[in-house]
N, C-alpha and C. Protein backbone atom coordinates (compact mmCIF):
# COMPACT_ATOMS: atom_id res chain seq x y z
N MET A 1 0.77 -1.28 0.27
CA MET A 1 0.41 -0.12 0.39
C MET A 1 0.94 1.59 0.07
N TRP A 2 0.12 2.24 -1.04
CA TRP A 2 1.18 3.44 -0.53
C TRP A 2 0.95 4.12 0.64
N PRO A 3 1.93 4.78 0.81
CA PRO A 3 1.84 6.06 2.09
C PRO A 3 0.40 6.37 1.86
N ARG A 4 0.01 7.13 3.17
CA ARG A 4 -0.92 8.21 3.53
C ARG A 4 -1.21 9.02 4.22
N VAL A 5 -1.02 10.57 3.44
CA VAL A 5 -0.96 11.35 4.85
C VAL A 5 -2.12 11.95 5.00
N ASP A 6 -2.61 12.32 6.38
CA ASP A 6 -3.59 12.76 6.32
C ASP A 6 -5.07 12.56 5.84
N GLY A 7 -5.12 11.23 5.71
CA GLY A 7 -5.83 10.51 5.05
C GLY A 7 -6.08 10.99 3.69
N LEU A 8 -5.11 11.36 2.78
CA LEU A 8 -4.88 11.14 1.55
C LEU A 8 -4.05 10.12 0.80
N ARG A 9 -4.22 9.64 -0.35
CA ARG A 9 -3.16 9.06 -1.05
C ARG A 9 -1.60 9.65 -1.40
N SER A 10 -0.46 9.30 -1.38
CA SER A 10 0.86 10.50 -1.82
C SER A 10 1.31 9.62 -3.46
N ILE A 11 1.65 10.45 -3.85
CA ILE A 11 2.90 10.18 -4.92
C ILE A 11 3.84 10.52 -4.81
N GLU A 12 4.92 9.60 -5.09
CA GLU A 12 6.45 9.86 -5.05
C GLU A 12 6.93 9.58 -6.70
N LEU A 13 7.49 10.75 -7.00
CA LEU A 13 8.13 11.02 -8.47
C LEU A 13 9.28 10.23 -8.39
N GLY A 14 9.60 9.05 -9.65
CA GLY A 14 11.09 9.02 -9.84
C GLY A 14 11.71 8.35 -8.69
N PHE A 15 12.82 7.68 -8.75
CA PHE A 15 13.71 7.41 -7.75
C PHE A 15 14.15 8.36 -6.42
N PRO A 16 14.33 8.22 -5.44
CA PRO A 16 14.49 8.78 -3.94
C PRO A 16 15.85 9.61 -4.86
N GLY A 17 16.11 11.11 -3.89
CA GLY A 17 17.43 11.73 -4.88
C GLY A 17 17.03 12.60 -5.26
N GLU A 18 18.22 12.29 -6.41
CA GLU A 18 18.70 13.90 -7.47
C GLU A 18 17.30 13.87 -8.18
N LEU A 19 17.10 12.55 -8.69
CA LEU A 19 16.12 12.55 -9.59
C LEU A 19 14.34 12.90 -9.25
N ARG A 20 14.08 12.44 -7.73
CA ARG A 20 12.64 12.85 -7.20
C ARG A 20 12.57 14.23 -6.94
N ASP A 21 14.30 15.09 -6.80
CA ASP A 21 14.05 16.42 -6.26
C ASP A 21 13.65 17.07 -7.38
N ARG A 22 14.08 16.86 -8.92
CA ARG A 22 14.56 17.17 -10.12
C ARG A 22 12.74 17.27 -10.29
N LEU A 23 12.23 16.32 -10.54
CA LEU A 23 10.77 15.89 -10.79
C LEU A 23 9.38 16.93 -9.88
N ASN A 24 9.92 16.38 -8.72
CA ASN A 24 9.05 17.75 -7.30
C ASN A 24 9.31 18.97 -7.88
N GLY A 25 10.77 19.50 -8.35
CA GLY A 25 10.67 21.19 -8.65
C GLY A 25 10.07 21.51 -10.36
N LEU A 26 9.91 20.11 -10.80
CA LEU A 26 8.74 20.99 -11.80
C LEU A 26 7.76 20.89 -11.79
N VAL A 27 6.97 20.02 -11.02
CA VAL A 27 5.55 20.07 -10.62
C VAL A 27 5.15 21.26 -10.02
N LEU A 28 6.44 21.89 -9.09
CA LEU A 28 6.50 22.91 -7.93
C LEU A 28 6.47 24.34 -8.80
N ALA A 29 6.96 24.08 -10.40
CA ALA A 29 6.90 25.37 -11.37
C ALA A 29 6.17 24.93 -11.91
N GLY A 30 5.17 23.62 -11.91
CA GLY A 30 4.07 23.99 -12.82
C GLY A 30 4.23 23.90 -13.99
N ARG A 31 5.39 23.06 -14.53
CA ARG A 31 5.80 22.76 -15.89
C ARG A 31 5.59 21.48 -15.52
N LYS A 32 5.64 20.51 -14.98
CA LYS A 32 5.49 19.03 -15.02
C LYS A 32 3.80 18.90 -14.62
N ARG A 33 2.71 18.47 -15.38
CA ARG A 33 1.52 18.28 -15.28
C ARG A 33 0.99 16.92 -15.25
N ALA A 34 2.10 15.85 -15.57
CA ALA A 34 1.61 14.61 -15.72
C ALA A 34 3.04 13.70 -15.61
N THR A 35 1.93 12.56 -15.00
CA THR A 35 3.07 11.34 -15.05
C THR A 35 2.53 9.82 -15.34
N ALA A 36 3.54 9.14 -15.68
CA ALA A 36 3.24 7.74 -16.30
C ALA A 36 3.45 6.65 -15.32
N GLY A 37 2.94 5.52 -15.02
CA GLY A 37 3.10 5.00 -14.29
C GLY A 37 2.73 3.57 -14.55
N LEU A 38 3.51 2.03 -14.47
CA LEU A 38 3.07 0.92 -14.72
C LEU A 38 1.66 0.16 -14.46
N LEU A 39 0.73 0.10 -14.94
CA LEU A 39 -0.31 -0.37 -14.28
C LEU A 39 -0.04 -1.77 -13.09
N LEU A 40 1.16 -2.28 -13.66
CA LEU A 40 1.36 -3.82 -12.84
C LEU A 40 1.72 -3.36 -11.34
N GLU A 41 1.90 -1.88 -11.10
CA GLU A 41 2.69 -1.36 -9.75
C GLU A 41 1.65 -1.31 -9.08
N TYR A 42 0.18 -0.78 -9.43
CA TYR A 42 -1.17 -0.95 -8.89
C TYR A 42 -1.56 -2.05 -8.47
N GLU A 43 -1.43 -3.49 -9.36
CA GLU A 43 -1.97 -4.49 -9.29
C GLU A 43 -1.06 -5.10 -7.89
N ARG A 44 0.65 -5.02 -8.01
CA ARG A 44 1.26 -5.49 -6.66
C ARG A 44 1.19 -4.80 -5.44
N GLU A 45 0.59 -3.43 -5.62
CA GLU A 45 0.47 -2.92 -4.42
C GLU A 45 -0.87 -3.18 -3.88
N GLY A 46 -2.05 -3.66 -4.71
CA GLY A 46 -3.18 -3.47 -4.31
C GLY A 46 -3.95 -2.27 -4.53
N GLU A 47 -3.28 -1.62 -4.79
CA GLU A 47 -3.86 0.30 -5.38
C GLU A 47 -4.76 0.13 -6.69
N GLU A 48 -5.44 1.02 -5.91
CA GLU A 48 -6.67 1.44 -7.02
C GLU A 48 -6.70 2.33 -7.91
N LEU A 49 -6.66 2.59 -9.40
CA LEU A 49 -6.27 3.76 -9.89
C LEU A 49 -7.15 5.16 -9.59
N GLU A 50 -5.96 6.17 -9.29
CA GLU A 50 -6.59 7.32 -9.50
C GLU A 50 -7.72 7.84 -9.84
N HIS A 51 -8.42 9.02 -9.57
CA HIS A 51 -9.51 9.28 -9.82
C HIS A 51 -9.57 10.68 -10.02
N VAL A 52 -10.56 11.33 -11.40
CA VAL A 52 -10.55 12.73 -11.43
C VAL A 52 -10.88 13.66 -10.37
N GLY A 53 -10.52 14.43 -9.96
CA GLY A 53 -10.63 15.19 -8.34
C GLY A 53 -10.07 14.65 -7.23
N GLU A 54 -9.43 13.81 -7.18
CA GLU A 54 -8.95 13.37 -6.62
C GLU A 54 -7.52 13.98 -5.48
N ARG A 55 -7.00 14.24 -4.55
CA ARG A 55 -5.74 14.90 -3.98
C ARG A 55 -5.16 13.95 -4.06
N LEU A 56 -3.57 14.21 -4.42
CA LEU A 56 -2.73 13.44 -3.43
C LEU A 56 -1.43 14.40 -2.62
N VAL A 57 -1.16 13.94 -1.83
CA VAL A 57 0.27 14.49 -1.43
C VAL A 57 1.57 14.28 -2.17
N LEU A 58 2.23 15.17 -2.81
CA LEU A 58 3.84 14.99 -3.28
C LEU A 58 4.73 14.68 -2.15
N LEU A 59 5.44 13.60 -2.35
CA LEU A 59 6.52 13.54 -1.11
C LEU A 59 7.72 13.70 -1.72
N ASP A 60 8.82 13.84 -1.02
CA ASP A 60 10.16 14.06 -1.36
C ASP A 60 10.74 12.66 -0.88
N SER A 61 11.83 12.53 -1.20
CA SER A 61 12.87 11.60 -0.88
C SER A 61 12.87 11.37 0.81
N GLU A 62 12.63 11.93 1.59
CA GLU A 62 12.69 11.41 2.85
C GLU A 62 11.24 11.08 3.30
N ARG A 63 9.76 11.11 2.07
CA ARG A 63 8.46 10.93 2.48
C ARG A 63 7.66 12.26 3.35
N GLN A 64 8.75 13.31 2.84
CA GLN A 64 7.68 14.76 3.69
C GLN A 64 7.25 15.05 2.65
N PRO A 65 5.89 16.01 3.24
CA PRO A 65 4.84 16.27 1.88
C PRO A 65 5.42 17.68 1.59
N VAL A 66 5.43 18.19 0.47
CA VAL A 66 5.92 18.79 -0.29
C VAL A 66 5.13 19.79 -1.34
N GLY A 67 3.83 18.85 -1.34
CA GLY A 67 3.21 19.81 -2.15
C GLY A 67 1.64 18.89 -2.54
N THR A 68 0.70 19.24 -2.77
CA THR A 68 -0.73 18.40 -3.28
C THR A 68 -1.12 18.61 -4.63
N ILE A 69 -1.37 17.26 -5.39
CA ILE A 69 -1.87 17.85 -6.83
C ILE A 69 -3.20 17.00 -6.67
N GLU A 70 -4.16 17.65 -7.50
CA GLU A 70 -5.53 17.10 -7.75
C GLU A 70 -5.36 16.26 -9.10
N ILE A 71 -6.01 15.50 -9.31
CA ILE A 71 -6.11 14.08 -10.57
C ILE A 71 -6.59 15.15 -11.41
N THR A 72 -6.57 15.67 -12.62
CA THR A 72 -7.57 16.10 -13.96
C THR A 72 -7.52 15.19 -14.94
N GLY A 73 -7.29 14.33 -15.19
CA GLY A 73 -7.22 12.81 -16.11
C GLY A 73 -6.71 11.67 -15.83
N VAL A 74 -7.03 10.65 -15.72
CA VAL A 74 -6.62 9.26 -15.76
C VAL A 74 -7.12 8.42 -17.07
N GLU A 75 -5.82 7.76 -18.10
CA GLU A 75 -6.07 7.05 -18.89
C GLU A 75 -5.17 5.93 -18.48
N THR A 76 -5.82 4.55 -19.24
CA THR A 76 -4.53 3.56 -19.46
C THR A 76 -4.67 3.10 -20.79
N LEU A 77 -3.06 3.51 -21.58
CA LEU A 77 -2.62 3.22 -22.62
C LEU A 77 -1.94 2.16 -22.96
N ARG A 78 -1.76 1.20 -23.91
CA ARG A 78 -0.26 0.75 -24.00
C ARG A 78 0.79 1.85 -24.82
N PHE A 79 1.99 0.98 -23.86
CA PHE A 79 3.29 2.06 -23.90
C PHE A 79 2.93 2.35 -25.71
N ILE A 80 2.65 1.75 -26.63
CA ILE A 80 3.23 2.52 -27.77
C ILE A 80 2.00 3.77 -28.11
N ASP A 81 0.78 3.36 -27.36
CA ASP A 81 0.18 4.49 -28.20
C ASP A 81 -0.13 6.17 -27.26
N ILE A 82 1.12 5.90 -26.04
CA ILE A 82 0.91 7.11 -25.62
C ILE A 82 1.31 8.65 -26.47
N PRO A 83 0.62 9.69 -26.80
CA PRO A 83 0.81 10.76 -27.82
C PRO A 83 1.90 11.67 -27.05
N TRP A 84 2.34 12.02 -28.18
CA TRP A 84 3.54 13.08 -27.77
C TRP A 84 2.72 14.24 -26.79
N GLU A 85 0.95 14.66 -26.70
CA GLU A 85 0.73 15.59 -25.83
C GLU A 85 1.29 15.21 -24.87
N PHE A 86 0.81 13.73 -24.34
CA PHE A 86 0.92 13.58 -22.91
C PHE A 86 2.29 13.65 -22.59
N ALA A 87 3.53 13.01 -23.40
CA ALA A 87 5.00 13.06 -23.15
C ALA A 87 4.97 14.65 -22.73
N ALA A 88 4.38 15.58 -23.46
CA ALA A 88 5.27 16.68 -23.33
C ALA A 88 4.40 17.57 -21.90
N ALA A 89 3.57 17.22 -21.58
CA ALA A 89 3.04 17.61 -20.45
C ALA A 89 3.58 16.87 -18.93
N GLU A 90 4.30 15.96 -19.15
CA GLU A 90 5.37 15.69 -18.14
C GLU A 90 6.44 16.44 -17.95
N GLY A 91 6.83 17.26 -18.79
CA GLY A 91 7.17 18.58 -18.45
C GLY A 91 9.05 18.59 -18.30
N GLU A 92 9.31 16.91 -18.59
CA GLU A 92 10.65 16.92 -18.01
C GLU A 92 11.49 17.03 -19.38
N GLY A 93 11.42 17.75 -20.13
CA GLY A 93 12.68 18.46 -21.45
C GLY A 93 12.92 17.59 -22.28
N ASP A 94 12.14 16.52 -22.57
CA ASP A 94 12.40 15.70 -24.20
C ASP A 94 11.55 16.35 -25.29
N ALA A 95 12.53 16.34 -25.83
CA ALA A 95 12.42 16.86 -27.34
C ALA A 95 11.20 16.26 -28.14
N ASP A 96 11.26 15.12 -28.19
CA ASP A 96 10.02 14.54 -28.96
C ASP A 96 10.06 13.00 -27.59
N LEU A 97 8.84 12.66 -29.07
CA LEU A 97 8.22 11.01 -28.38
C LEU A 97 9.65 9.95 -28.04
N GLU A 98 9.89 9.86 -29.37
CA GLU A 98 11.15 8.89 -28.89
C GLU A 98 12.21 9.31 -27.96
N GLU A 99 12.23 10.12 -27.51
CA GLU A 99 13.03 10.71 -26.34
C GLU A 99 12.62 10.26 -25.26
N TRP A 100 11.53 10.56 -25.10
CA TRP A 100 10.33 10.39 -24.01
C TRP A 100 10.53 9.10 -23.71
N ARG A 101 9.89 8.59 -25.02
CA ARG A 101 9.93 6.68 -24.69
C ARG A 101 11.46 5.94 -24.21
N ALA A 102 12.52 6.49 -25.08
CA ALA A 102 13.74 5.88 -24.72
C ALA A 102 13.77 5.93 -23.22
N GLY A 103 13.43 7.43 -22.55
CA GLY A 103 13.94 7.81 -21.05
C GLY A 103 12.96 6.92 -20.37
N HIS A 104 11.64 6.71 -20.37
CA HIS A 104 10.81 5.86 -19.42
C HIS A 104 11.33 4.57 -19.55
N LEU A 105 11.97 3.63 -20.97
CA LEU A 105 12.12 2.50 -21.04
C LEU A 105 13.46 2.36 -20.10
N ARG A 106 14.30 3.11 -20.21
CA ARG A 106 15.72 3.20 -18.78
C ARG A 106 15.01 2.89 -17.60
N TYR A 107 14.45 4.04 -17.39
CA TYR A 107 13.69 4.04 -16.11
C TYR A 107 12.85 2.86 -15.65
N TRP A 108 12.14 2.18 -16.45
CA TRP A 108 11.73 0.98 -16.32
C TRP A 108 12.15 -0.04 -15.88
N GLU A 109 13.72 0.15 -16.79
CA GLU A 109 14.33 -1.45 -16.73
C GLU A 109 15.01 -1.25 -15.36
N GLN A 110 15.60 0.05 -15.31
CA GLN A 110 16.22 -0.14 -13.46
C GLN A 110 15.36 -0.18 -12.59
N GLU A 111 14.26 0.03 -12.74
CA GLU A 111 13.43 -0.84 -11.76
C GLU A 111 13.17 -2.16 -11.34
N GLY A 112 13.35 -2.70 -12.85
CA GLY A 112 13.34 -4.01 -12.63
C GLY A 112 12.02 -4.34 -13.29
N ASN A 113 11.67 -3.68 -14.52
CA ASN A 113 10.19 -3.93 -15.21
C ASN A 113 10.29 -3.21 -16.33
N PRO A 114 10.86 -4.18 -17.24
CA PRO A 114 10.71 -4.31 -18.44
C PRO A 114 9.36 -3.99 -19.10
N VAL A 115 9.59 -2.98 -20.40
CA VAL A 115 8.25 -2.50 -20.64
C VAL A 115 8.57 -3.08 -22.56
N GLU A 116 7.05 -3.30 -22.91
CA GLU A 116 7.16 -3.43 -24.34
C GLU A 116 6.14 -2.52 -24.78
N ASP A 117 5.98 -2.88 -25.67
CA ASP A 117 5.00 -2.01 -26.71
C ASP A 117 3.59 -2.15 -26.42
N ASP A 118 3.57 -2.97 -25.79
CA ASP A 118 1.96 -3.54 -25.27
C ASP A 118 1.91 -3.21 -23.73
N THR A 119 2.51 -2.97 -23.20
CA THR A 119 2.13 -2.75 -21.82
C THR A 119 1.73 -1.69 -20.89
N PRO A 120 0.78 -1.79 -20.39
CA PRO A 120 -0.13 -0.79 -20.35
C PRO A 120 0.25 0.01 -18.76
N ILE A 121 0.24 1.41 -19.48
CA ILE A 121 0.65 2.28 -18.44
C ILE A 121 -0.42 3.36 -18.24
N VAL A 122 -0.21 3.68 -16.84
CA VAL A 122 -0.98 4.76 -16.40
C VAL A 122 -1.16 6.23 -16.33
N CYS A 123 -1.45 6.89 -17.99
CA CYS A 123 -1.22 8.27 -17.67
C CYS A 123 -2.06 9.05 -16.42
N LEU A 124 -1.65 10.10 -16.15
CA LEU A 124 -2.13 11.04 -15.01
C LEU A 124 -1.51 12.12 -15.36
N ARG A 125 -3.03 13.24 -15.64
CA ARG A 125 -2.88 14.30 -15.87
C ARG A 125 -3.53 14.99 -14.23
N PHE A 126 -2.73 15.89 -13.77
CA PHE A 126 -2.71 16.82 -12.63
C PHE A 126 -2.09 18.46 -12.79
N ARG A 127 -3.12 19.09 -11.47
CA ARG A 127 -2.81 20.25 -11.39
C ARG A 127 -1.83 20.45 -9.77
N LEU A 128 -1.35 21.60 -9.76
CA LEU A 128 -0.75 22.10 -8.42
C LEU A 128 -1.92 23.09 -7.62
N VAL A 129 -1.81 22.33 -6.39
CA VAL A 129 -3.20 22.64 -5.56
C VAL A 129 -3.09 23.44 -4.45
């Protein structure tokens, strides 16, 4: 189960440390308005998908709250079907969809979760509140 803070589910972006600090900074600056996760992670943890209007506490590397986001969109897509519009909303500076895909494939591989074109990906859109 994912950590709860004051009754709200939390969200932890990327690996703890430099990556999480950078991603949280993008959220807090308003540049990152989306994130992608593996449907498999939800299943492993027994977590339900987020829903539109749900608020999540954004945690830092020490699992301390740094902000709150509100979900504005939830969609599960095959990895190969994720559009550039969504990838660009992640706000991580990727030049194009191929660069976004390569970076996410590396990240999930490092987590021990190789991704194929048909792998279901949960695409979350959000706003900082």
